[in-house]
């Protein structure tokens, strides 16, 4: 992964060989929001006759997705990521793509997944997709403006604040930032009014840096100061201002301790 948060294209070229049957790649990274090189992956896969799958759980409902324009064979989504029911998802399968059933049994879902369908959740996912499609561009622009405003407010108050990943080539809803001189876990503990995450795994009380950020070349001690901030349909400008003020106040308090 490069410093901007994208998988190295040259590594894709090396990894995909005549023995490759399936190439799978995120559409956007779940921690940084950075879009991944889908088109390059497709080009290399087609050269050897491999199928291409992308996990678009983070992206669907936030940015336009066109499986035909992207020339994908498979694309998966998760309902709760776009305000649909939890526990339901969908898999786009390109016509002519052969798949083996998950389990053997009845012929539900075209023979791929036997068992009674969860009709209520399926309908809920469809409704959520329809609502997202209705105002996709307008909502994306609104959230992007709020995200940029949040970054601006934080950068004004916190010297040497750094952004993880590219600013432009990312989801409109995601901001991953490094707060200098503090732990991301400590910062969030000091701002209980904010629901956010560090993107790191904690085991037995030991805080460890995110593997994604380490892959981007960020030193572990610096990566520990990172916080993943996400915005959504309910986010307002006043909420952004309150969040920025709370985070800035907590940071100033922690660095003085």
C-alpha atoms as a PDB file:
ATOM      1  CA  UNK A   1       0.000   0.000   0.000  1.00  0.00           C
ATOM      2  CA  UNK A   2       1.342   3.449  -0.864  1.00  0.00           C
ATOM      3  CA  UNK A   3       1.512   6.490   1.418  1.00  0.00           C
ATOM      4  CA  UNK A   4      -1.813   7.725   0.031  1.00  0.00           C
ATOM      5  CA  UNK A   5      -3.628   4.571   1.101  1.00  0.00           C
ATOM      6  CA  UNK A   6      -3.985   2.783  -2.262  1.00  0.00           C
ATOM      7  CA  UNK A   7      -2.810  -0.738  -3.046  1.00  0.00           C
ATOM      8  CA  UNK A   8       0.336  -0.680  -5.164  1.00  0.00           C
ATOM      9  CA  UNK A   9      -0.576  -1.296  -8.791  1.00  0.00           C
ATOM     10  CA  UNK A  10       2.813  -2.863  -9.476  1.00  0.00           C
ATOM     11  CA  UNK A  11       2.173  -5.414  -6.722  1.00  0.00           C
ATOM     12  CA  UNK A  12      -1.149  -6.299  -8.328  1.00  0.00           C
ATOM     13  CA  UNK A  13       0.643  -6.862 -11.613  1.00  0.00           C
ATOM     14  CA  UNK A  14       3.125  -9.187  -9.927  1.00  0.00           C
ATOM     15  CA  UNK A  15       0.595 -11.046  -7.771  1.00  0.00           C
ATOM     16  CA  UNK A  16      -1.897 -11.831 -10.555  1.00  0.00           C
ATOM     17  CA  UNK A  17      -0.607 -14.777 -12.608  1.00  0.00           C
ATOM     18  CA  UNK A  18      -1.992 -17.454 -14.909  1.00  0.00           C
ATOM     19  CA  UNK A  19      -2.779 -19.493 -11.777  1.00  0.00           C
ATOM     20  CA  UNK A  20      -5.072 -16.777 -10.387  1.00  0.00           C
ATOM     21  CA  UNK A  21      -8.780 -17.657 -10.468  1.00  0.00           C
ATOM     22  CA  UNK A  22     -10.194 -14.729  -8.492  1.00  0.00           C
ATOM     23  CA  UNK A  23      -9.035 -11.209  -7.727  1.00  0.00           C
ATOM     24  CA  UNK A  24     -10.815  -9.482  -4.838  1.00  0.00           C
ATOM     25  CA  UNK A  25     -10.210  -5.898  -3.777  1.00  0.00           C
ATOM     26  CA  UNK A  26     -11.995  -3.307  -1.651  1.00  0.00           C
ATOM     27  CA  UNK A  27     -13.722  -0.497  -3.486  1.00  0.00           C
ATOM     28  CA  UNK A  28     -12.830   1.878  -0.651  1.00  0.00           C
ATOM     29  CA  UNK A  29     -10.790   1.185   2.457  1.00  0.00           C
ATOM     30  CA  UNK A  30     -12.885   0.884   5.597  1.00  0.00           C
ATOM     31  CA  UNK A  31     -10.460   2.881   7.761  1.00  0.00           C
ATOM     32  CA  UNK A  32      -9.228   5.673   5.512  1.00  0.00           C
ATOM     33  CA  UNK A  33     -12.059   5.776   2.957  1.00  0.00           C
ATOM     34  CA  UNK A  34      -9.497   5.873   0.123  1.00  0.00           C
ATOM     35  CA  UNK A  35     -10.675   4.408  -3.203  1.00  0.00           C
ATOM     36  CA  UNK A  36      -8.638   1.452  -4.413  1.00  0.00           C
ATOM     37  CA  UNK A  37      -7.294   0.826  -7.960  1.00  0.00           C
ATOM     38  CA  UNK A  38     -10.236  -1.249  -9.199  1.00  0.00           C
ATOM     39  CA  UNK A  39      -9.713  -0.602 -12.901  1.00  0.00           C
ATOM     40  CA  UNK A  40      -6.072  -1.644 -12.769  1.00  0.00           C
ATOM     41  CA  UNK A  41      -7.015  -4.840 -10.918  1.00  0.00           C
ATOM     42  CA  UNK A  42      -9.636  -5.614 -13.556  1.00  0.00           C
ATOM     43  CA  UNK A  43      -7.147  -5.029 -16.373  1.00  0.00           C
ATOM     44  CA  UNK A  44      -4.574  -7.411 -14.874  1.00  0.00           C
ATOM     45  CA  UNK A  45      -7.245 -10.013 -14.065  1.00  0.00           C
ATOM     46  CA  UNK A  46      -8.667  -9.981 -17.586  1.00  0.00           C
ATOM     47  CA  UNK A  47      -5.196 -10.584 -18.969  1.00  0.00           C
ATOM     48  CA  UNK A  48      -5.111 -14.009 -17.279  1.00  0.00           C
ATOM     49  CA  UNK A  49      -8.826 -14.795 -17.414  1.00  0.00           C
ATOM     50  CA  UNK A  50      -9.505 -14.356 -13.683  1.00  0.00           C
ATOM     51  CA  UNK A  51     -12.800 -13.183 -12.182  1.00  0.00           C
ATOM     52  CA  UNK A  52     -12.913  -9.918 -10.240  1.00  0.00           C
ATOM     53  CA  UNK A  53     -14.806  -9.264  -7.012  1.00  0.00           C
ATOM     54  CA  UNK A  54     -14.953  -6.024  -5.060  1.00  0.00           C
ATOM     55  CA  UNK A  55     -16.215  -5.434  -1.551  1.00  0.00           C
ATOM     56  CA  UNK A  56     -18.244  -2.246  -1.874  1.00  0.00           C
ATOM     57  CA  UNK A  57     -19.835  -2.344   1.588  1.00  0.00           C
ATOM     58  CA  UNK A  58     -18.329   1.026   2.500  1.00  0.00           C
ATOM     59  CA  UNK A  59     -19.104   2.694  -0.827  1.00  0.00           C
ATOM     60  CA  UNK A  60     -22.625   1.713  -1.902  1.00  0.00           C
ATOM     61  CA  UNK A  61     -25.087   4.411  -0.936  1.00  0.00           C
ATOM     62  CA  UNK A  62     -22.347   7.042  -0.670  1.00  0.00           C
ATOM     63  CA  UNK A  63     -20.907   7.239  -4.191  1.00  0.00           C
ATOM     64  CA  UNK A  64     -22.118   6.038  -7.610  1.00  0.00           C
ATOM     65  CA  UNK A  65     -21.331   2.385  -8.363  1.00  0.00           C
ATOM     66  CA  UNK A  66     -21.685   0.969 -11.881  1.00  0.00           C
ATOM     67  CA  UNK A  67     -20.739  -2.710 -12.091  1.00  0.00           C
ATOM     68  CA  UNK A  68     -20.876  -2.698 -15.887  1.00  0.00           C
ATOM     69  CA  UNK A  69     -18.691   0.361 -16.324  1.00  0.00           C
ATOM     70  CA  UNK A  70     -16.246  -1.137 -13.815  1.00  0.00           C
ATOM     71  CA  UNK A  71     -16.391  -4.499 -15.645  1.00  0.00           C
ATOM     72  CA  UNK A  72     -16.876  -6.472 -12.411  1.00  0.00           C
ATOM     73  CA  UNK A  73     -17.924 -10.095 -12.119  1.00  0.00           C
ATOM     74  CA  UNK A  74     -18.930  -9.934  -8.457  1.00  0.00           C
ATOM     75  CA  UNK A  75     -19.740  -7.124  -6.021  1.00  0.00           C
ATOM     76  CA  UNK A  76     -20.879  -7.462  -2.416  1.00  0.00           C
ATOM     77  CA  UNK A  77     -22.697  -4.977  -0.173  1.00  0.00           C
ATOM     78  CA  UNK A  78     -23.891  -4.882   3.454  1.00  0.00           C
ATOM     79  CA  UNK A  79     -27.317  -3.504   4.338  1.00  0.00           C
ATOM     80  CA  UNK A  80     -26.430  -1.700   7.557  1.00  0.00           C
ATOM     81  CA  UNK A  81     -23.756   0.374   5.829  1.00  0.00           C
ATOM     82  CA  UNK A  82     -26.433   2.320   3.932  1.00  0.00           C
ATOM     83  CA  UNK A  83     -29.089   2.485   6.666  1.00  0.00           C
ATOM     84  CA  UNK A  84     -30.705  -0.832   5.772  1.00  0.00           C
ATOM     85  CA  UNK A  85     -31.402  -3.664   8.231  1.00  0.00           C
ATOM     86  CA  UNK A  86     -28.519  -5.344   9.995  1.00  0.00           C
ATOM     87  CA  UNK A  87     -27.709  -8.907   9.008  1.00  0.00           C
ATOM     88  CA  UNK A  88     -28.605  -8.653   5.337  1.00  0.00           C
ATOM     89  CA  UNK A  89     -26.443  -8.124   2.294  1.00  0.00           C
ATOM     90  CA  UNK A  90     -26.399  -8.709  -1.431  1.00  0.00           C
ATOM     91  CA  UNK A  91     -24.040 -10.146  -4.011  1.00  0.00           C
ATOM     92  CA  UNK A  92     -24.102  -8.968  -7.610  1.00  0.00           C
ATOM     93  CA  UNK A  93     -23.188 -11.841  -9.924  1.00  0.00           C
ATOM     94  CA  UNK A  94     -22.428 -11.067 -13.534  1.00  0.00           C
ATOM     95  CA  UNK A  95     -24.426 -13.175 -15.961  1.00  0.00           C
ATOM     96  CA  UNK A  96     -22.363 -16.189 -16.990  1.00  0.00           C
ATOM     97  CA  UNK A  97     -20.225 -16.231 -13.816  1.00  0.00           C
ATOM     98  CA  UNK A  98     -20.269 -19.771 -12.411  1.00  0.00           C
ATOM     99  CA  UNK A  99     -20.436 -20.103  -8.626  1.00  0.00           C
ATOM    100  CA  UNK A 100     -20.516 -23.146  -6.380  1.00  0.00           C
ATOM    101  CA  UNK A 101     -23.321 -23.243  -3.753  1.00  0.00           C
ATOM    102  CA  UNK A 102     -22.405 -22.326  -0.196  1.00  0.00           C
ATOM    103  CA  UNK A 103     -24.211 -25.414   1.060  1.00  0.00           C
ATOM    104  CA  UNK A 104     -26.123 -28.208  -0.612  1.00  0.00           C
ATOM    105  CA  UNK A 105     -29.892 -28.440  -0.388  1.00  0.00           C
ATOM    106  CA  UNK A 106     -32.861 -26.610  -1.858  1.00  0.00           C
ATOM    107  CA  UNK A 107     -32.815 -24.266  -4.820  1.00  0.00           C
ATOM    108  CA  UNK A 108     -33.281 -20.955  -3.023  1.00  0.00           C
ATOM    109  CA  UNK A 109     -31.429 -17.917  -4.369  1.00  0.00           C
ATOM    110  CA  UNK A 110     -30.754 -19.618  -7.698  1.00  0.00           C
ATOM    111  CA  UNK A 111     -29.362 -22.666  -5.978  1.00  0.00           C
ATOM    112  CA  UNK A 112     -26.507 -20.790  -4.308  1.00  0.00           C
ATOM    113  CA  UNK A 113     -27.829 -20.507  -0.751  1.00  0.00           C
ATOM    114  CA  UNK A 114     -30.519 -22.962   0.307  1.00  0.00           C
ATOM    115  CA  UNK A 115     -32.888 -21.951   3.098  1.00  0.00           C
ATOM    116  CA  UNK A 116     -35.859 -19.672   3.575  1.00  0.00           C
ATOM    117  CA  UNK A 117     -35.063 -16.099   2.609  1.00  0.00           C
ATOM    118  CA  UNK A 118     -35.329 -13.280   5.150  1.00  0.00           C
ATOM    119  CA  UNK A 119     -37.932 -11.428   3.102  1.00  0.00           C
ATOM    120  CA  UNK A 120     -38.379  -8.505   5.504  1.00  0.00           C
ATOM    121  CA  UNK A 121     -34.675  -7.692   5.529  1.00  0.00           C
ATOM    122  CA  UNK A 122     -34.405  -8.130   1.767  1.00  0.00           C
ATOM    123  CA  UNK A 123     -37.228  -5.633   1.245  1.00  0.00           C
ATOM    124  CA  UNK A 124     -35.598  -3.291   3.762  1.00  0.00           C
ATOM    125  CA  UNK A 125     -32.302  -3.429   1.885  1.00  0.00           C
ATOM    126  CA  UNK A 126     -34.080  -2.671  -1.379  1.00  0.00           C
ATOM    127  CA  UNK A 127     -35.848   0.308   0.186  1.00  0.00           C
ATOM    128  CA  UNK A 128     -32.570   1.619   1.620  1.00  0.00           C
ATOM    129  CA  UNK A 129     -30.915   1.368  -1.800  1.00  0.00           C
ATOM    130  CA  UNK A 130     -33.812   3.219  -3.435  1.00  0.00           C
ATOM    131  CA  UNK A 131     -33.607   6.031  -0.880  1.00  0.00           C
ATOM    132  CA  UNK A 132     -29.846   6.301  -1.278  1.00  0.00           C
ATOM    133  CA  UNK A 133     -30.141   6.450  -5.058  1.00  0.00           C
ATOM    134  CA  UNK A 134     -32.763   9.180  -4.869  1.00  0.00           C
ATOM    135  CA  UNK A 135     -30.398  11.838  -3.504  1.00  0.00           C
ATOM    136  CA  UNK A 136     -26.990  10.229  -3.943  1.00  0.00           C
ATOM    137  CA  UNK A 137     -25.255  13.193  -5.575  1.00  0.00           C
ATOM    138  CA  UNK A 138     -26.780  15.887  -3.360  1.00  0.00           C
ATOM    139  CA  UNK A 139     -26.178  13.989  -0.131  1.00  0.00           C
ATOM    140  CA  UNK A 140     -22.650  13.138  -1.184  1.00  0.00           C
ATOM    141  CA  UNK A 141     -21.882  16.804  -1.837  1.00  0.00           C
ATOM    142  CA  UNK A 142     -23.425  17.846   1.487  1.00  0.00           C
ATOM    143  CA  UNK A 143     -21.478  15.304   3.526  1.00  0.00           C
ATOM    144  CA  UNK A 144     -18.244  16.050   1.647  1.00  0.00           C
ATOM    145  CA  UNK A 145     -18.565  19.744   2.505  1.00  0.00           C
ATOM    146  CA  UNK A 146     -19.109  18.895   6.178  1.00  0.00           C
ATOM    147  CA  UNK A 147     -16.134  16.518   6.174  1.00  0.00           C
ATOM    148  CA  UNK A 148     -13.899  19.224   4.716  1.00  0.00           C
ATOM    149  CA  UNK A 149     -15.223  21.712   7.258  1.00  0.00           C
ATOM    150  CA  UNK A 150     -14.419  19.318  10.104  1.00  0.00           C
ATOM    151  CA  UNK A 151     -10.871  18.936   8.820  1.00  0.00           C
ATOM    152  CA  UNK A 152     -10.528  22.711   8.517  1.00  0.00           C
ATOM    153  CA  UNK A 153     -11.738  23.334  12.079  1.00  0.00           C
ATOM    154  CA  UNK A 154      -9.456  20.681  13.549  1.00  0.00           C
ATOM    155  CA  UNK A 155      -6.411  21.861  11.580  1.00  0.00           C
ATOM    156  CA  UNK A 156      -6.967  25.410  12.821  1.00  0.00           C
ATOM    157  CA  UNK A 157      -6.792  24.326  16.458  1.00  0.00           C
ATOM    158  CA  UNK A 158      -4.260  21.487  16.398  1.00  0.00           C
ATOM    159  CA  UNK A 159      -0.751  22.161  15.075  1.00  0.00           C
ATOM    160  CA  UNK A 160       0.780  19.349  12.996  1.00  0.00           C
ATOM    161  CA  UNK A 161      -2.521  17.530  12.622  1.00  0.00           C
ATOM    162  CA  UNK A 162      -2.086  15.094   9.725  1.00  0.00           C
ATOM    163  CA  UNK A 163      -4.436  13.353   7.328  1.00  0.00           C
ATOM    164  CA  UNK A 164      -4.155   9.602   6.739  1.00  0.00           C
ATOM    165  CA  UNK A 165      -4.669   8.926   3.040  1.00  0.00           C
ATOM    166  CA  UNK A 166      -5.489  11.153   0.098  1.00  0.00           C
ATOM    167  CA  UNK A 167      -8.043  13.900   0.638  1.00  0.00           C
ATOM    168  CA  UNK A 168      -9.693  13.883  -2.775  1.00  0.00           C
ATOM    169  CA  UNK A 169      -9.652  10.218  -3.720  1.00  0.00           C
ATOM    170  CA  UNK A 170     -11.804   9.003  -0.836  1.00  0.00           C
ATOM    171  CA  UNK A 171     -15.363   8.557   0.374  1.00  0.00           C
ATOM    172  CA  UNK A 172     -17.131  11.841   1.132  1.00  0.00           C
ATOM    173  CA  UNK A 173     -18.036  10.572   4.593  1.00  0.00           C
ATOM    174  CA  UNK A 174     -14.668   9.468   5.976  1.00  0.00           C
ATOM    175  CA  UNK A 175     -11.870  11.397   7.664  1.00  0.00           C
ATOM    176  CA  UNK A 176      -8.919   9.601   9.252  1.00  0.00           C
ATOM    177  CA  UNK A 177      -6.590  11.965  11.098  1.00  0.00           C
ATOM    178  CA  UNK A 178      -3.462  11.737  13.247  1.00  0.00           C
ATOM    179  CA  UNK A 179      -3.382  13.790  16.419  1.00  0.00           C
ATOM    180  CA  UNK A 180       0.243  14.539  17.392  1.00  0.00           C
ATOM    181  CA  UNK A 181       1.578  13.620  20.801  1.00  0.00           C
ATOM    182  CA  UNK A 182      -1.476  11.720  22.072  1.00  0.00           C
ATOM    183  CA  UNK A 183      -3.068   8.310  21.848  1.00  0.00           C
ATOM    184  CA  UNK A 184      -6.208   8.041  19.757  1.00  0.00           C
ATOM    185  CA  UNK A 185      -7.753   5.833  22.434  1.00  0.00           C
ATOM    186  CA  UNK A 186      -7.021   8.422  25.122  1.00  0.00           C
ATOM    187  CA  UNK A 187      -8.426  11.198  22.962  1.00  0.00           C
ATOM    188  CA  UNK A 188     -11.709   9.372  22.378  1.00  0.00           C
ATOM    189  CA  UNK A 189     -11.928   8.450  26.072  1.00  0.00           C
ATOM    190  CA  UNK A 190     -11.727  12.166  26.800  1.00  0.00           C
ATOM    191  CA  UNK A 191     -14.558  12.929  24.359  1.00  0.00           C
ATOM    192  CA  UNK A 192     -17.398  10.565  25.333  1.00  0.00           C
ATOM    193  CA  UNK A 193     -19.873  12.732  23.442  1.00  0.00           C
ATOM    194  CA  UNK A 194     -18.289  11.606  20.165  1.00  0.00           C
ATOM    195  CA  UNK A 195     -18.843   8.125  18.691  1.00  0.00           C
ATOM    196  CA  UNK A 196     -15.686   7.345  16.710  1.00  0.00           C
ATOM    197  CA  UNK A 197     -12.953   4.728  16.481  1.00  0.00           C
ATOM    198  CA  UNK A 198      -9.202   4.481  16.182  1.00  0.00           C
ATOM    199  CA  UNK A 199      -9.150   1.633  13.707  1.00  0.00           C
ATOM    200  CA  UNK A 200      -6.688  -0.170  15.970  1.00  0.00           C
ATOM    201  CA  UNK A 201      -6.952  -3.464  17.785  1.00  0.00           C
ATOM    202  CA  UNK A 202      -6.485  -3.626  21.551  1.00  0.00           C
ATOM    203  CA  UNK A 203      -5.458  -6.810  23.297  1.00  0.00           C
ATOM    204  CA  UNK A 204      -5.046  -7.192  27.056  1.00  0.00           C
ATOM    205  CA  UNK A 205      -4.925  -3.437  27.458  1.00  0.00           C
ATOM    206  CA  UNK A 206      -2.099  -3.014  24.954  1.00  0.00           C
ATOM    207  CA  UNK A 207      -2.950  -0.529  22.237  1.00  0.00           C
ATOM    208  CA  UNK A 208      -1.568  -1.438  18.827  1.00  0.00           C
ATOM    209  CA  UNK A 209      -1.421   0.576  15.637  1.00  0.00           C
ATOM    210  CA  UNK A 210      -3.748  -0.112  12.719  1.00  0.00           C
ATOM    211  CA  UNK A 211      -2.331  -2.544  10.178  1.00  0.00           C
ATOM    212  CA  UNK A 212      -3.691  -0.331   7.403  1.00  0.00           C
ATOM    213  CA  UNK A 213      -1.770   2.712   8.627  1.00  0.00           C
ATOM    214  CA  UNK A 214       1.391   0.687   9.155  1.00  0.00           C
ATOM    215  CA  UNK A 215       1.118  -0.599   5.576  1.00  0.00           C
ATOM    216  CA  UNK A 216       1.021   3.035   4.459  1.00  0.00           C
ATOM    217  CA  UNK A 217       4.440   3.523   6.046  1.00  0.00           C
ATOM    218  CA  UNK A 218       3.321   5.464   9.119  1.00  0.00           C
ATOM    219  CA  UNK A 219       5.536   4.684  12.156  1.00  0.00           C
ATOM    220  CA  UNK A 220       3.674   2.762  14.900  1.00  0.00           C
ATOM    221  CA  UNK A 221       4.094   5.390  17.611  1.00  0.00           C
ATOM    222  CA  UNK A 222       2.679   8.074  15.315  1.00  0.00           C
ATOM    223  CA  UNK A 223      -0.091   5.871  13.931  1.00  0.00           C
ATOM    224  CA  UNK A 224      -1.405   5.355  17.484  1.00  0.00           C
ATOM    225  CA  UNK A 225      -2.628   8.940  17.469  1.00  0.00           C
ATOM    226  CA  UNK A 226      -5.063   8.266  14.626  1.00  0.00           C
ATOM    227  CA  UNK A 227      -8.835   8.591  14.858  1.00  0.00           C
ATOM    228  CA  UNK A 228     -11.397   7.589  12.245  1.00  0.00           C
ATOM    229  CA  UNK A 229     -14.240  10.100  11.988  1.00  0.00           C
ATOM    230  CA  UNK A 230     -17.269   9.312   9.840  1.00  0.00           C
ATOM    231  CA  UNK A 231     -20.235  11.444   8.857  1.00  0.00           C
ATOM    232  CA  UNK A 232     -23.704  10.466   7.706  1.00  0.00           C
ATOM    233  CA  UNK A 233     -27.210  11.582   6.896  1.00  0.00           C
ATOM    234  CA  UNK A 234     -27.859  12.810  10.440  1.00  0.00           C
ATOM    235  CA  UNK A 235     -24.677  14.898  10.605  1.00  0.00           C
ATOM    236  CA  UNK A 236     -25.233  18.652  10.707  1.00  0.00           C
ATOM    237  CA  UNK A 237     -22.917  21.657  10.602  1.00  0.00           C
ATOM    238  CA  UNK A 238     -23.552  22.403  14.273  1.00  0.00           C
ATOM    239  CA  UNK A 239     -22.628  18.810  15.132  1.00  0.00           C
ATOM    240  CA  UNK A 240     -19.384  19.198  13.201  1.00  0.00           C
ATOM    241  CA  UNK A 241     -18.544  22.371  15.101  1.00  0.00           C
ATOM    242  CA  UNK A 242     -19.267  20.737  18.463  1.00  0.00           C
ATOM    243  CA  UNK A 243     -17.210  17.680  17.566  1.00  0.00           C
ATOM    244  CA  UNK A 244     -14.234  19.758  16.442  1.00  0.00           C
ATOM    245  CA  UNK A 245     -14.364  21.857  19.611  1.00  0.00           C
ATOM    246  CA  UNK A 246     -14.568  18.769  21.838  1.00  0.00           C
ATOM    247  CA  UNK A 247     -11.665  17.025  20.104  1.00  0.00           C
ATOM    248  CA  UNK A 248      -9.506  20.157  20.144  1.00  0.00           C
ATOM    249  CA  UNK A 249     -10.213  20.758  23.839  1.00  0.00           C
ATOM    250  CA  UNK A 250      -9.397  17.128  24.701  1.00  0.00           C
ATOM    251  CA  UNK A 251      -6.176  17.247  22.662  1.00  0.00           C
ATOM    252  CA  UNK A 252      -4.972  20.455  24.371  1.00  0.00           C
ATOM    253  CA  UNK A 253      -5.778  18.952  27.768  1.00  0.00           C
ATOM    254  CA  UNK A 254      -3.912  15.718  27.049  1.00  0.00           C
ATOM    255  CA  UNK A 255      -0.751  17.339  25.665  1.00  0.00           C
ATOM    256  CA  UNK A 256      -0.480  19.518  28.763  1.00  0.00           C
ATOM    257  CA  UNK A 257      -0.710  16.573  31.174  1.00  0.00           C
END
